[in-house]
Amino acid sequence: MDENTIPVEKSKTLLDTTVDDVKTLLNEHFPNHISFGYGSFTISRGSSQIMIIVRPFTLDETCIELFAHVVTGATINEELLKFLMRKNAELHFGAFGLLFDGTITFSHSILGSNLDPNELVITLNSVAVISDYYDDIIVDMAGGKRALDMVYDDAI
């Protein structure tokens, strides 16, 4: 093994450890979560679905992204964008975003190498509560569908 492969192996080991830690915490606190494969999970809360994705960040750090599709198909206008930007300034952490297809998101990321179980649980619950609360307000303002509405549409 040469010196160039050691950092890559260290990074892979760190990623594996973080994924295992997240799995353990989800099994304990959110037993109904769904795993989509290595480092990718989802939970449903209220009308929201929160994705949890473990990613490499640096050679010495991982990142745990908590991400919710809040509303899809809303009319994106100046009033809505100002509303979302003001909410980003008011909220303690996390932020609304806008994907290339107009989907409104809410997300927050935490570091994973020294994962604090309480931090992950609180972050996950906060992303869920915020996205579940604001999806109804956004639909009332600008139309579109919440994550739950999309699940029901797919089932029909």
C-alpha atoms as a PDB file:
ATOM      1  CA  MET A   1       0.000   0.000   0.000  1.00  0.00           C
ATOM      2  CA  ASP A   2       1.466   3.368  -0.942  1.00  0.00           C
ATOM      3  CA  GLU A   3       1.026   6.650   0.891  1.00  0.00           C
ATOM      4  CA  ASN A   4      -1.588   7.871  -1.619  1.00  0.00           C
ATOM      5  CA  THR A   5      -4.074   5.105  -0.762  1.00  0.00           C
ATOM      6  CA  ILE A   6      -3.959   5.601   3.015  1.00  0.00           C
ATOM      7  CA  PRO A   7      -6.028   8.843   3.026  1.00  0.00           C
ATOM      8  CA  VAL A   8      -8.623   7.254   0.726  1.00  0.00           C
ATOM      9  CA  GLU A   9      -8.907   4.204   2.973  1.00  0.00           C
ATOM     10  CA  LYS A  10      -9.162   6.434   6.049  1.00  0.00           C
ATOM     11  CA  SER A  11     -11.930   8.425   4.369  1.00  0.00           C
ATOM     12  CA  LYS A  12     -13.780   5.197   3.402  1.00  0.00           C
ATOM     13  CA  THR A  13     -13.488   3.878   6.966  1.00  0.00           C
ATOM     14  CA  LEU A  14     -14.842   7.162   8.336  1.00  0.00           C
ATOM     15  CA  LEU A  15     -17.753   7.052   5.888  1.00  0.00           C
ATOM     16  CA  ASP A  16     -18.537   3.435   6.828  1.00  0.00           C
ATOM     17  CA  THR A  17     -18.469   4.334  10.529  1.00  0.00           C
ATOM     18  CA  THR A  18     -20.794   7.305  10.026  1.00  0.00           C
ATOM     19  CA  VAL A  19     -23.257   5.222   7.987  1.00  0.00           C
ATOM     20  CA  ASP A  20     -23.273   2.550  10.714  1.00  0.00           C
ATOM     21  CA  ASP A  21     -23.833   5.206  13.418  1.00  0.00           C
ATOM     22  CA  VAL A  22     -26.738   6.731  11.484  1.00  0.00           C
ATOM     23  CA  LYS A  23     -28.293   3.278  10.900  1.00  0.00           C
ATOM     24  CA  THR A  24     -28.081   2.509  14.607  1.00  0.00           C
ATOM     25  CA  LEU A  25     -29.697   5.811  15.592  1.00  0.00           C
ATOM     26  CA  LEU A  26     -32.461   5.484  13.004  1.00  0.00           C
ATOM     27  CA  ASN A  27     -33.206   1.929  14.139  1.00  0.00           C
ATOM     28  CA  GLU A  28     -33.461   3.150  17.726  1.00  0.00           C
ATOM     29  CA  HIS A  29     -35.400   6.405  17.236  1.00  0.00           C
ATOM     30  CA  PHE A  30     -37.159   5.986  13.867  1.00  0.00           C
ATOM     31  CA  PRO A  31     -37.747   2.244  13.409  1.00  0.00           C
ATOM     32  CA  ASN A  32     -40.081   2.826  10.434  1.00  0.00           C
ATOM     33  CA  HIS A  33     -37.360   4.483   8.342  1.00  0.00           C
ATOM     34  CA  ILE A  34     -36.572   3.114   4.900  1.00  0.00           C
ATOM     35  CA  SER A  35     -33.047   2.430   3.702  1.00  0.00           C
ATOM     36  CA  PHE A  36     -32.270   2.977   0.023  1.00  0.00           C
ATOM     37  CA  GLY A  37     -28.789   1.581   0.217  1.00  0.00           C
ATOM     38  CA  TYR A  38     -25.462   2.657   1.455  1.00  0.00           C
ATOM     39  CA  GLY A  39     -25.902   5.873   3.431  1.00  0.00           C
ATOM     40  CA  SER A  40     -29.318   6.884   2.104  1.00  0.00           C
ATOM     41  CA  PHE A  41     -32.492   6.735   4.213  1.00  0.00           C
ATOM     42  CA  THR A  42     -35.906   8.352   4.477  1.00  0.00           C
ATOM     43  CA  ILE A  43     -38.529   8.867   7.148  1.00  0.00           C
ATOM     44  CA  SER A  44     -42.080  10.171   6.844  1.00  0.00           C
ATOM     45  CA  ARG A  45     -43.405  12.692   9.339  1.00  0.00           C
ATOM     46  CA  GLY A  46     -46.738  14.396   8.899  1.00  0.00           C
ATOM     47  CA  SER A  47     -46.986  15.442   5.267  1.00  0.00           C
ATOM     48  CA  SER A  48     -43.201  15.440   4.817  1.00  0.00           C
ATOM     49  CA  GLN A  49     -40.589  12.929   3.779  1.00  0.00           C
ATOM     50  CA  ILE A  50     -37.063  13.570   4.970  1.00  0.00           C
ATOM     51  CA  MET A  51     -34.078  12.111   3.175  1.00  0.00           C
ATOM     52  CA  ILE A  52     -30.965  11.402   5.221  1.00  0.00           C
ATOM     53  CA  ILE A  53     -27.833  11.087   3.104  1.00  0.00           C
ATOM     54  CA  VAL A  54     -24.358  10.381   4.452  1.00  0.00           C
ATOM     55  CA  ARG A  55     -21.633  11.779   2.198  1.00  0.00           C
ATOM     56  CA  PRO A  56     -17.883  12.203   2.292  1.00  0.00           C
ATOM     57  CA  PHE A  57     -16.915  15.800   3.021  1.00  0.00           C
ATOM     58  CA  THR A  58     -13.147  15.866   3.447  1.00  0.00           C
ATOM     59  CA  LEU A  59     -10.579  13.155   4.061  1.00  0.00           C
ATOM     60  CA  ASP A  60     -11.202  13.617   7.804  1.00  0.00           C
ATOM     61  CA  GLU A  61     -14.913  14.414   7.883  1.00  0.00           C
ATOM     62  CA  THR A  62     -18.312  13.243   6.702  1.00  0.00           C
ATOM     63  CA  CYS A  63     -21.524  15.172   6.210  1.00  0.00           C
ATOM     64  CA  ILE A  64     -25.046  14.075   7.055  1.00  0.00           C
ATOM     65  CA  GLU A  65     -27.577  15.895   4.904  1.00  0.00           C
ATOM     66  CA  LEU A  66     -31.207  16.048   6.020  1.00  0.00           C
ATOM     67  CA  PHE A  67     -33.327  17.138   3.110  1.00  0.00           C
ATOM     68  CA  ALA A  68     -37.073  17.509   2.514  1.00  0.00           C
ATOM     69  CA  HIS A  69     -38.957  18.183  -0.702  1.00  0.00           C
ATOM     70  CA  VAL A  70     -41.469  20.649   0.710  1.00  0.00           C
ATOM     71  CA  VAL A  71     -43.632  21.560  -2.299  1.00  0.00           C
ATOM     72  CA  THR A  72     -43.488  20.554  -5.954  1.00  0.00           C
ATOM     73  CA  GLY A  73     -45.279  22.446  -8.721  1.00  0.00           C
ATOM     74  CA  ALA A  74     -45.782  25.761  -6.901  1.00  0.00           C
ATOM     75  CA  THR A  75     -46.012  28.976  -8.893  1.00  0.00           C
ATOM     76  CA  ILE A  76     -42.601  30.512  -8.300  1.00  0.00           C
ATOM     77  CA  ASN A  77     -43.099  34.248  -8.101  1.00  0.00           C
ATOM     78  CA  GLU A  78     -41.529  37.228  -6.364  1.00  0.00           C
ATOM     79  CA  GLU A  79     -43.915  37.061  -3.393  1.00  0.00           C
ATOM     80  CA  LEU A  80     -43.057  33.405  -2.715  1.00  0.00           C
ATOM     81  CA  LEU A  81     -39.317  33.939  -3.125  1.00  0.00           C
ATOM     82  CA  LYS A  82     -39.386  36.906  -0.707  1.00  0.00           C
ATOM     83  CA  PHE A  83     -41.360  34.793   1.772  1.00  0.00           C
ATOM     84  CA  LEU A  84     -38.821  31.953   1.592  1.00  0.00           C
ATOM     85  CA  MET A  85     -35.849  34.295   1.922  1.00  0.00           C
ATOM     86  CA  ARG A  86     -37.388  35.980   4.965  1.00  0.00           C
ATOM     87  CA  LYS A  87     -38.018  32.602   6.552  1.00  0.00           C
ATOM     88  CA  ASN A  88     -34.369  31.663   5.907  1.00  0.00           C
ATOM     89  CA  ALA A  89     -33.369  34.770   7.876  1.00  0.00           C
ATOM     90  CA  GLU A  90     -35.776  33.949  10.742  1.00  0.00           C
ATOM     91  CA  LEU A  91     -35.170  30.232  11.235  1.00  0.00           C
ATOM     92  CA  HIS A  92     -32.454  29.124  13.660  1.00  0.00           C
ATOM     93  CA  PHE A  93     -30.873  26.676  11.247  1.00  0.00           C
ATOM     94  CA  GLY A  94     -31.525  25.077   7.904  1.00  0.00           C
ATOM     95  CA  ALA A  95     -32.732  26.827   4.796  1.00  0.00           C
ATOM     96  CA  PHE A  96     -35.311  26.713   2.071  1.00  0.00           C
ATOM     97  CA  GLY A  97     -33.996  26.120  -1.415  1.00  0.00           C
ATOM     98  CA  LEU A  98     -35.232  25.819  -4.967  1.00  0.00           C
ATOM     99  CA  LEU A  99     -34.284  22.940  -7.254  1.00  0.00           C
ATOM    100  CA  PHE A 100     -33.854  23.233 -11.018  1.00  0.00           C
ATOM    101  CA  ASP A 101     -37.420  21.963 -11.572  1.00  0.00           C
ATOM    102  CA  GLY A 102     -38.993  24.475  -9.159  1.00  0.00           C
ATOM    103  CA  THR A 103     -39.301  22.065  -6.217  1.00  0.00           C
ATOM    104  CA  ILE A 104     -39.056  23.925  -2.912  1.00  0.00           C
ATOM    105  CA  THR A 105     -36.810  22.182  -0.402  1.00  0.00           C
ATOM    106  CA  PHE A 106     -35.756  22.557   3.201  1.00  0.00           C
ATOM    107  CA  SER A 107     -32.439  21.163   4.367  1.00  0.00           C
ATOM    108  CA  HIS A 108     -29.801  21.213   7.053  1.00  0.00           C
ATOM    109  CA  SER A 109     -26.475  19.375   7.271  1.00  0.00           C
ATOM    110  CA  ILE A 110     -24.405  18.269  10.233  1.00  0.00           C
ATOM    111  CA  LEU A 111     -20.925  16.809  10.499  1.00  0.00           C
ATOM    112  CA  GLY A 112     -20.730  13.062  10.991  1.00  0.00           C
ATOM    113  CA  SER A 113     -17.297  12.081  12.284  1.00  0.00           C
ATOM    114  CA  ASN A 114     -18.203  12.826  15.913  1.00  0.00           C
ATOM    115  CA  LEU A 115     -21.917  12.282  15.567  1.00  0.00           C
ATOM    116  CA  ASP A 116     -23.910  13.231  18.624  1.00  0.00           C
ATOM    117  CA  PRO A 117     -27.085  11.096  18.749  1.00  0.00           C
ATOM    118  CA  ASN A 118     -29.104  13.954  20.234  1.00  0.00           C
ATOM    119  CA  GLU A 119     -27.977  16.315  17.465  1.00  0.00           C
ATOM    120  CA  LEU A 120     -29.105  13.939  14.721  1.00  0.00           C
ATOM    121  CA  VAL A 121     -32.494  13.281  16.348  1.00  0.00           C
ATOM    122  CA  ILE A 122     -33.156  16.977  17.011  1.00  0.00           C
ATOM    123  CA  THR A 123     -32.030  17.960  13.509  1.00  0.00           C
ATOM    124  CA  LEU A 124     -34.185  15.295  11.878  1.00  0.00           C
ATOM    125  CA  ASN A 125     -37.209  16.272  13.957  1.00  0.00           C
ATOM    126  CA  SER A 126     -36.650  19.969  13.241  1.00  0.00           C
ATOM    127  CA  VAL A 127     -36.370  19.490   9.474  1.00  0.00           C
ATOM    128  CA  ALA A 128     -39.537  17.368   9.616  1.00  0.00           C
ATOM    129  CA  VAL A 129     -41.534  19.851  11.696  1.00  0.00           C
ATOM    130  CA  ILE A 130     -40.438  22.882   9.663  1.00  0.00           C
ATOM    131  CA  SER A 131     -41.148  21.264   6.296  1.00  0.00           C
ATOM    132  CA  ASP A 132     -44.467  19.843   7.547  1.00  0.00           C
ATOM    133  CA  TYR A 133     -45.520  23.251   8.879  1.00  0.00           C
ATOM    134  CA  TYR A 134     -44.518  25.373   5.898  1.00  0.00           C
ATOM    135  CA  ASP A 135     -45.715  23.044   3.127  1.00  0.00           C
ATOM    136  CA  ASP A 136     -49.354  23.964   3.825  1.00  0.00           C
ATOM    137  CA  ILE A 137     -48.554  27.699   3.912  1.00  0.00           C
ATOM    138  CA  ILE A 138     -46.635  27.493   0.632  1.00  0.00           C
ATOM    139  CA  VAL A 139     -49.408  25.508  -1.100  1.00  0.00           C
ATOM    140  CA  ASP A 140     -51.936  28.122   0.068  1.00  0.00           C
ATOM    141  CA  MET A 141     -49.709  30.917  -1.308  1.00  0.00           C
ATOM    142  CA  ALA A 142     -48.515  29.388  -4.544  1.00  0.00           C
ATOM    143  CA  GLY A 143     -50.260  26.083  -5.230  1.00  0.00           C
ATOM    144  CA  GLY A 144     -48.393  22.861  -5.823  1.00  0.00           C
ATOM    145  CA  LYS A 145     -48.260  19.587  -3.946  1.00  0.00           C
ATOM    146  CA  ARG A 146     -46.756  18.500  -0.662  1.00  0.00           C
ATOM    147  CA  ALA A 147     -44.630  15.341  -0.428  1.00  0.00           C
ATOM    148  CA  LEU A 148     -47.610  13.428   0.978  1.00  0.00           C
ATOM    149  CA  ASP A 149     -49.781  14.545  -1.954  1.00  0.00           C
ATOM    150  CA  MET A 150     -47.153  13.207  -4.356  1.00  0.00           C
ATOM    151  CA  VAL A 151     -47.169   9.813  -2.603  1.00  0.00           C
ATOM    152  CA  TYR A 152     -50.966   9.587  -2.879  1.00  0.00           C
ATOM    153  CA  ASP A 153     -50.868  10.612  -6.550  1.00  0.00           C
ATOM    154  CA  ASP A 154     -48.321   7.872  -7.274  1.00  0.00           C
ATOM    155  CA  ALA A 155     -50.500   5.293  -5.519  1.00  0.00           C
ATOM    156  CA  ILE A 156     -53.543   6.084  -7.652  1.00  0.00           C
END
